[in-house]
PDB file of N, CA and C in Angstrom:
ATOM      1  N   LEU A   1     111.790  -5.895 164.427  1.00  0.00           N
ATOM      2  CA  LEU A   1     113.226  -6.077 164.407  1.00  0.00           C
ATOM      3  C   LEU A   1     113.800  -5.941 165.804  1.00  0.00           C
ATOM      4  N   ASN A   2     114.755  -6.745 166.118  1.00  0.00           N
ATOM      5  CA  ASN A   2     115.543  -6.587 167.334  1.00  0.00           C
ATOM      6  C   ASN A   2     116.859  -5.952 166.930  1.00  0.00           C
ATOM      7  N   VAL A   3     117.162  -4.821 167.541  1.00  0.00           N
ATOM      8  CA  VAL A   3     118.371  -4.078 167.182  1.00  0.00           C
ATOM      9  C   VAL A   3     119.228  -3.916 168.421  1.00  0.00           C
ATOM     10  N   LYS A   4     120.500  -4.247 168.293  1.00  0.00           N
ATOM     11  CA  LYS A   4     121.438  -4.050 169.394  1.00  0.00           C
ATOM     12  C   LYS A   4     122.106  -2.689 169.196  1.00  0.00           C
ATOM     13  N   ILE A   5     121.894  -1.770 170.139  1.00  0.00           N
ATOM     14  CA  ILE A   5     122.483  -0.437 170.073  1.00  0.00           C
ATOM     15  C   ILE A   5     123.870  -0.506 170.708  1.00  0.00           C
ATOM     16  N   PRO A   6     124.910  -0.162 169.972  1.00  0.00           N
ATOM     17  CA  PRO A   6     126.260  -0.252 170.534  1.00  0.00           C
ATOM     18  C   PRO A   6     126.509   0.803 171.611  1.00  0.00           C
ATOM     19  N   ALA A   7     127.372   0.470 172.553  1.00  0.00           N
ATOM     20  CA  ALA A   7     127.749   1.421 173.601  1.00  0.00           C
ATOM     21  C   ALA A   7     128.444   2.619 172.971  1.00  0.00           C
ATOM     22  N   GLY A   8     128.208   3.791 173.520  1.00  0.00           N
ATOM     23  CA  GLY A   8     128.877   5.003 173.055  1.00  0.00           C
ATOM     24  C   GLY A   8     128.222   5.661 171.864  1.00  0.00           C
ATOM     25  N   VAL A   9     127.047   5.179 171.454  1.00  0.00           N
ATOM     26  CA  VAL A   9     126.355   5.790 170.322  1.00  0.00           C
ATOM     27  C   VAL A   9     125.928   7.211 170.708  1.00  0.00           C
ATOM     28  N   ALA A  10     125.988   8.127 169.760  1.00  0.00           N
ATOM     29  CA  ALA A  10     125.687   9.539 170.026  1.00  0.00           C
ATOM     30  C   ALA A  10     124.354   9.927 169.403  1.00  0.00           C
ATOM     31  N   ASP A  11     123.758  10.979 169.926  1.00  0.00           N
ATOM     32  CA  ASP A  11     122.513  11.508 169.386  1.00  0.00           C
ATOM     33  C   ASP A  11     122.747  11.945 167.938  1.00  0.00           C
ATOM     34  N   GLY A  12     121.870  11.533 167.044  1.00  0.00           N
ATOM     35  CA  GLY A  12     121.987  11.886 165.640  1.00  0.00           C
ATOM     36  C   GLY A  12     122.811  10.904 164.824  1.00  0.00           C
ATOM     37  N   GLU A  13     123.445   9.953 165.465  1.00  0.00           N
ATOM     38  CA  GLU A  13     124.270   8.966 164.762  1.00  0.00           C
ATOM     39  C   GLU A  13     123.374   7.963 164.033  1.00  0.00           C
ATOM     40  N   ARG A  14     123.875   7.428 162.921  1.00  0.00           N
ATOM     41  CA  ARG A  14     123.116   6.447 162.143  1.00  0.00           C
ATOM     42  C   ARG A  14     123.690   5.056 162.345  1.00  0.00           C
ATOM     43  N   ILE A  15     122.769   4.072 162.402  1.00  0.00           N
ATOM     44  CA  ILE A  15     123.153   2.670 162.487  1.00  0.00           C
ATOM     45  C   ILE A  15     122.635   1.988 161.219  1.00  0.00           C
ATOM     46  N   ARG A  16     123.499   1.236 160.548  1.00  0.00           N
ATOM     47  CA  ARG A  16     123.125   0.545 159.312  1.00  0.00           C
ATOM     48  C   ARG A  16     122.810  -0.907 159.606  1.00  0.00           C
ATOM     49  N   LEU A  17     121.632  -1.349 159.157  1.00  0.00           N
ATOM     50  CA  LEU A  17     121.250  -2.753 159.260  1.00  0.00           C
ATOM     51  C   LEU A  17     121.258  -3.329 157.849  1.00  0.00           C
ATOM     52  N   LYS A  18     122.316  -4.026 157.517  1.00  0.00           N
ATOM     53  CA  LYS A  18     122.518  -4.531 156.161  1.00  0.00           C
ATOM     54  C   LYS A  18     121.455  -5.570 155.803  1.00  0.00           C
ATOM     55  N   GLY A  19     120.803  -5.363 154.652  1.00  0.00           N
ATOM     56  CA  GLY A  19     119.822  -6.317 154.146  1.00  0.00           C
ATOM     57  C   GLY A  19     118.491  -6.304 154.856  1.00  0.00           C
ATOM     58  N   GLN A  20     118.235  -5.344 155.749  1.00  0.00           N
ATOM     59  CA  GLN A  20     116.986  -5.291 156.509  1.00  0.00           C
ATOM     60  C   GLN A  20     115.983  -4.295 155.930  1.00  0.00           C
ATOM     61  N   GLY A  21     116.333  -3.668 154.805  1.00  0.00           N
ATOM     62  CA  GLY A  21     115.449  -2.678 154.192  1.00  0.00           C
ATOM     63  C   GLY A  21     114.440  -3.316 153.258  1.00  0.00           C
ATOM     64  N   ALA A  22     113.856  -2.498 152.399  1.00  0.00           N
ATOM     65  CA  ALA A  22     112.834  -2.941 151.457  1.00  0.00           C
ATOM     66  C   ALA A  22     113.458  -3.823 150.365  1.00  0.00           C
ATOM     67  N   PRO A  23     112.636  -4.703 149.779  1.00  0.00           N
ATOM     68  CA  PRO A  23     113.134  -5.529 148.677  1.00  0.00           C
ATOM     69  C   PRO A  23     113.562  -4.668 147.494  1.00  0.00           C
ATOM     70  N   GLY A  24     114.530  -5.159 146.748  1.00  0.00           N
ATOM     71  CA  GLY A  24     115.027  -4.439 145.591  1.00  0.00           C
ATOM     72  C   GLY A  24     114.046  -4.484 144.431  1.00  0.00           C
ATOM     73  N   VAL A  25     114.271  -3.628 143.455  1.00  0.00           N
ATOM     74  CA  VAL A  25     113.424  -3.561 142.269  1.00  0.00           C
ATOM     75  C   VAL A  25     113.636  -4.813 141.433  1.00  0.00           C
ATOM     76  N   GLY A  26     112.532  -5.366 140.905  1.00  0.00           N
ATOM     77  CA  GLY A  26     112.613  -6.537 140.035  1.00  0.00           C
ATOM     78  C   GLY A  26     113.101  -7.788 140.749  1.00  0.00           C
ATOM     79  N   GLY A  27     112.775  -7.911 142.028  1.00  0.00           N
ATOM     80  CA  GLY A  27     113.161  -9.108 142.786  1.00  0.00           C
ATOM     81  C   GLY A  27     114.593  -9.086 143.277  1.00  0.00           C
ATOM     82  N   GLY A  28     115.182  -7.899 143.304  1.00  0.00           N
ATOM     83  CA  GLY A  28     116.556  -7.776 143.793  1.00  0.00           C
ATOM     84  C   GLY A  28     116.651  -7.998 145.295  1.00  0.00           C
ATOM     85  N   ALA A  29     117.858  -8.061 145.771  1.00  0.00           N
ATOM     86  CA  ALA A  29     118.106  -8.268 147.206  1.00  0.00           C
ATOM     87  C   ALA A  29     117.578  -7.094 148.019  1.00  0.00           C
ATOM     88  N   ASN A  30     117.276  -7.380 149.276  1.00  0.00           N
ATOM     89  CA  ASN A  30     116.821  -6.314 150.174  1.00  0.00           C
ATOM     90  C   ASN A  30     117.899  -5.256 150.335  1.00  0.00           C
ATOM     91  N   GLY A  31     117.455  -4.013 150.462  1.00  0.00           N
ATOM     92  CA  GLY A  31     118.384  -2.914 150.691  1.00  0.00           C
ATOM     93  C   GLY A  31     118.759  -2.811 152.159  1.00  0.00           C
ATOM     94  N   ASP A  32     119.513  -1.789 152.490  1.00  0.00           N
ATOM     95  CA  ASP A  32     119.934  -1.555 153.867  1.00  0.00           C
ATOM     96  C   ASP A  32     118.936  -0.636 154.563  1.00  0.00           C
ATOM     97  N   LEU A  33     118.762  -0.841 155.852  1.00  0.00           N
ATOM     98  CA  LEU A  33     117.906   0.001 156.677  1.00  0.00           C
ATOM     99  C   LEU A  33     118.807   0.848 157.562  1.00  0.00           C
ATOM    100  N   TYR A  34     118.580   2.153 157.556  1.00  0.00           N
ATOM    101  CA  TYR A  34     119.363   3.064 158.386  1.00  0.00           C
ATOM    102  C   TYR A  34     118.483   3.599 159.505  1.00  0.00           C
ATOM    103  N   LEU A  35     118.952   3.473 160.728  1.00  0.00           N
ATOM    104  CA  LEU A  35     118.262   4.021 161.895  1.00  0.00           C
ATOM    105  C   LEU A  35     119.031   5.246 162.378  1.00  0.00           C
ATOM    106  N   THR A  36     118.313   6.328 162.638  1.00  0.00           N
ATOM    107  CA  THR A  36     118.931   7.516 163.207  1.00  0.00           C
ATOM    108  C   THR A  36     118.601   7.547 164.689  1.00  0.00           C
ATOM    109  N   ILE A  37     119.620   7.628 165.517  1.00  0.00           N
ATOM    110  CA  ILE A  37     119.458   7.613 166.971  1.00  0.00           C
ATOM    111  C   ILE A  37     119.079   9.011 167.451  1.00  0.00           C
ATOM    112  N   ARG A  38     118.018   9.095 168.221  1.00  0.00           N
ATOM    113  CA  ARG A  38     117.593  10.345 168.852  1.00  0.00           C
ATOM    114  C   ARG A  38     117.366  10.066 170.334  1.00  0.00           C
ATOM    115  N   PHE A  39     117.989  10.858 171.191  1.00  0.00           N
ATOM    116  CA  PHE A  39     117.814  10.704 172.636  1.00  0.00           C
ATOM    117  C   PHE A  39     116.542  11.412 173.070  1.00  0.00           C
ATOM    118  N   ALA A  40     115.739  10.737 173.860  1.00  0.00           N
ATOM    119  CA  ALA A  40     114.550  11.365 174.442  1.00  0.00           C
ATOM    120  C   ALA A  40     114.995  12.257 175.596  1.00  0.00           C
ATOM    121  N   PRO A  41     114.393  13.432 175.740  1.00  0.00           N
ATOM    122  CA  PRO A  41     114.782  14.307 176.856  1.00  0.00           C
ATOM    123  C   PRO A  41     114.477  13.653 178.206  1.00  0.00           C
ATOM    124  N   HIS A  42     115.333  13.914 179.171  1.00  0.00           N
ATOM    125  CA  HIS A  42     115.160  13.396 180.524  1.00  0.00           C
ATOM    126  C   HIS A  42     114.967  14.589 181.452  1.00  0.00           C
ATOM    127  N   PRO A  43     114.097  14.485 182.453  1.00  0.00           N
ATOM    128  CA  PRO A  43     113.841  15.641 183.323  1.00  0.00           C
ATOM    129  C   PRO A  43     115.039  16.074 184.177  1.00  0.00           C
ATOM    130  N   LYS A  44     115.996  15.174 184.449  1.00  0.00           N
ATOM    131  CA  LYS A  44     117.126  15.527 185.320  1.00  0.00           C
ATOM    132  C   LYS A  44     118.472  15.541 184.609  1.00  0.00           C
ATOM    133  N   PHE A  45     118.645  14.702 183.600  1.00  0.00           N
ATOM    134  CA  PHE A  45     119.956  14.518 182.987  1.00  0.00           C
ATOM    135  C   PHE A  45     120.009  15.075 181.577  1.00  0.00           C
ATOM    136  N   ASP A  46     121.184  15.572 181.190  1.00  0.00           N
ATOM    137  CA  ASP A  46     121.483  15.995 179.826  1.00  0.00           C
ATOM    138  C   ASP A  46     122.714  15.225 179.359  1.00  0.00           C
ATOM    139  N   VAL A  47     122.933  15.206 178.055  1.00  0.00           N
ATOM    140  CA  VAL A  47     124.107  14.545 177.490  1.00  0.00           C
ATOM    141  C   VAL A  47     124.909  15.565 176.703  1.00  0.00           C
ATOM    142  N   GLU A  48     126.202  15.645 176.988  1.00  0.00           N
ATOM    143  CA  GLU A  48     127.147  16.467 176.229  1.00  0.00           C
ATOM    144  C   GLU A  48     128.284  15.565 175.795  1.00  0.00           C
ATOM    145  N   ASP A  49     128.439  15.379 174.503  1.00  0.00           N
ATOM    146  CA  ASP A  49     129.420  14.452 173.943  1.00  0.00           C
ATOM    147  C   ASP A  49     129.210  13.081 174.578  1.00  0.00           C
ATOM    148  N   GLU A  50     130.184  12.584 175.326  1.00  0.00           N
ATOM    149  CA  GLU A  50     130.041  11.279 175.987  1.00  0.00           C
ATOM    150  C   GLU A  50     129.809  11.433 177.486  1.00  0.00           C
ATOM    151  N   ASN A  51     129.417  12.628 177.927  1.00  0.00           N
ATOM    152  CA  ASN A  51     129.236  12.911 179.349  1.00  0.00           C
ATOM    153  C   ASN A  51     127.768  13.039 179.705  1.00  0.00           C
ATOM    154  N   LEU A  52     127.431  12.506 180.862  1.00  0.00           N
ATOM    155  CA  LEU A  52     126.100  12.652 181.420  1.00  0.00           C
ATOM    156  C   LEU A  52     126.143  13.815 182.400  1.00  0.00           C
ATOM    157  N   ILE A  53     125.283  14.810 182.216  1.00  0.00           N
ATOM    158  CA  ILE A  53     125.320  16.051 182.990  1.00  0.00           C
ATOM    159  C   ILE A  53     124.054  16.173 183.834  1.00  0.00           C
ATOM    160  N   ILE A  54     124.223  16.597 185.088  1.00  0.00           N
ATOM    161  CA  ILE A  54     123.090  16.935 185.947  1.00  0.00           C
ATOM    162  C   ILE A  54     123.403  18.280 186.602  1.00  0.00           C
ATOM    163  N   THR A  55     122.409  19.144 186.661  1.00  0.00           N
ATOM    164  CA  THR A  55     122.576  20.450 187.290  1.00  0.00           C
ATOM    165  C   THR A  55     121.919  20.412 188.663  1.00  0.00           C
ATOM    166  N   LEU A  56     122.695  20.752 189.688  1.00  0.00           N
ATOM    167  CA  LEU A  56     122.188  20.752 191.055  1.00  0.00           C
ATOM    168  C   LEU A  56     122.096  22.182 191.577  1.00  0.00           C
ATOM    169  N   PRO A  57     120.974  22.554 192.154  1.00  0.00           N
ATOM    170  CA  PRO A  57     120.876  23.880 192.744  1.00  0.00           C
ATOM    171  C   PRO A  57     121.620  23.933 194.081  1.00  0.00           C
ATOM    172  N   LEU A  58     122.513  24.907 194.220  1.00  0.00           N
ATOM    173  CA  LEU A  58     123.261  25.103 195.463  1.00  0.00           C
ATOM    174  C   LEU A  58     123.163  26.567 195.863  1.00  0.00           C
ATOM    175  N   ALA A  59     123.120  26.798 197.162  1.00  0.00           N
ATOM    176  CA  ALA A  59     123.105  28.162 197.676  1.00  0.00           C
ATOM    177  C   ALA A  59     124.534  28.707 197.689  1.00  0.00           C
ATOM    178  N   PRO A  60     124.706  30.024 197.583  1.00  0.00           N
ATOM    179  CA  PRO A  60     126.047  30.614 197.586  1.00  0.00           C
ATOM    180  C   PRO A  60     126.867  30.230 198.816  1.00  0.00           C
ATOM    181  N   TRP A  61     126.241  30.170 199.989  1.00  0.00           N
ATOM    182  CA  TRP A  61     126.990  29.821 201.200  1.00  0.00           C
ATOM    183  C   TRP A  61     127.439  28.355 201.170  1.00  0.00           C
ATOM    184  N   GLU A  62     126.691  27.487 200.481  1.00  0.00           N
ATOM    185  CA  GLU A  62     127.122  26.100 200.344  1.00  0.00           C
ATOM    186  C   GLU A  62     128.382  26.015 199.472  1.00  0.00           C
ATOM    187  N   LEU A  63     128.448  26.851 198.466  1.00  0.00           N
ATOM    188  CA  LEU A  63     129.637  26.879 197.617  1.00  0.00           C
ATOM    189  C   LEU A  63     130.842  27.426 198.366  1.00  0.00           C
ATOM    190  N   ALA A  64     130.610  28.472 199.159  1.00  0.00           N
ATOM    191  CA  ALA A  64     131.712  29.120 199.872  1.00  0.00           C
ATOM    192  C   ALA A  64     132.213  28.268 201.041  1.00  0.00           C
ATOM    193  N   LEU A  65     131.306  27.639 201.783  1.00  0.00           N
ATOM    194  CA  LEU A  65     131.674  26.901 202.989  1.00  0.00           C
ATOM    195  C   LEU A  65     131.841  25.408 202.762  1.00  0.00           C
ATOM    196  N   GLY A  66     131.357  24.920 201.648  1.00  0.00           N
ATOM    197  CA  GLY A  66     131.412  23.491 201.378  1.00  0.00           C
ATOM    198  C   GLY A  66     130.195  22.794 201.937  1.00  0.00           C
ATOM    199  N   THR A  67     129.800  21.715 201.314  1.00  0.00           N
ATOM    200  CA  THR A  67     128.637  20.964 201.751  1.00  0.00           C
ATOM    201  C   THR A  67     128.673  19.577 201.145  1.00  0.00           C
ATOM    202  N   GLU A  68     127.830  18.683 201.632  1.00  0.00           N
ATOM    203  CA  GLU A  68     127.643  17.368 201.025  1.00  0.00           C
ATOM    204  C   GLU A  68     126.257  17.360 200.402  1.00  0.00           C
ATOM    205  N   VAL A  69     126.181  16.884 199.158  1.00  0.00           N
ATOM    206  CA  VAL A  69     124.928  16.893 198.426  1.00  0.00           C
ATOM    207  C   VAL A  69     124.678  15.476 197.888  1.00  0.00           C
ATOM    208  N   ALA A  70     123.461  14.988 198.055  1.00  0.00           N
ATOM    209  CA  ALA A  70     123.078  13.705 197.477  1.00  0.00           C
ATOM    210  C   ALA A  70     122.830  13.926 195.982  1.00  0.00           C
ATOM    211  N   VAL A  71     123.522  13.168 195.161  1.00  0.00           N
ATOM    212  CA  VAL A  71     123.397  13.296 193.709  1.00  0.00           C
ATOM    213  C   VAL A  71     122.632  12.092 193.168  1.00  0.00           C
ATOM    214  N   PRO A  72     121.515  12.322 192.480  1.00  0.00           N
ATOM    215  CA  PRO A  72     120.773  11.182 191.910  1.00  0.00           C
ATOM    216  C   PRO A  72     121.580  10.536 190.771  1.00  0.00           C
ATOM    217  N   THR A  73     121.430   9.225 190.654  1.00  0.00           N
ATOM    218  CA  THR A  73     122.115   8.496 189.591  1.00  0.00           C
ATOM    219  C   THR A  73     121.073   7.726 188.783  1.00  0.00           C
ATOM    220  N   LEU A  74     121.515   7.013 187.773  1.00  0.00           N
ATOM    221  CA  LEU A  74     120.589   6.252 186.940  1.00  0.00           C
ATOM    222  C   LEU A  74     120.147   4.940 187.565  1.00  0.00           C
ATOM    223  N   THR A  75     120.827   4.502 188.618  1.00  0.00           N
ATOM    224  CA  THR A  75     120.438   3.215 189.226  1.00  0.00           C
ATOM    225  C   THR A  75     119.710   3.415 190.521  1.00  0.00           C
TER     226      THR A  75
END
């Protein structure tokens, strides 16, 4: 099956594929197929609600005095 995952889908959310399930009893129409979305863990990024989170280690003096930090992105 080719499935298009909509933007903004959340971990644990279900997607319904109408008529893509098993055939019905006695030659009935195919049922619906439900997919449950599960996010695979990523070594650098976490997801909270609709936010992508990354934790960066900073030294106390960098916080107090300010600094520039290179932040990795998905691209």
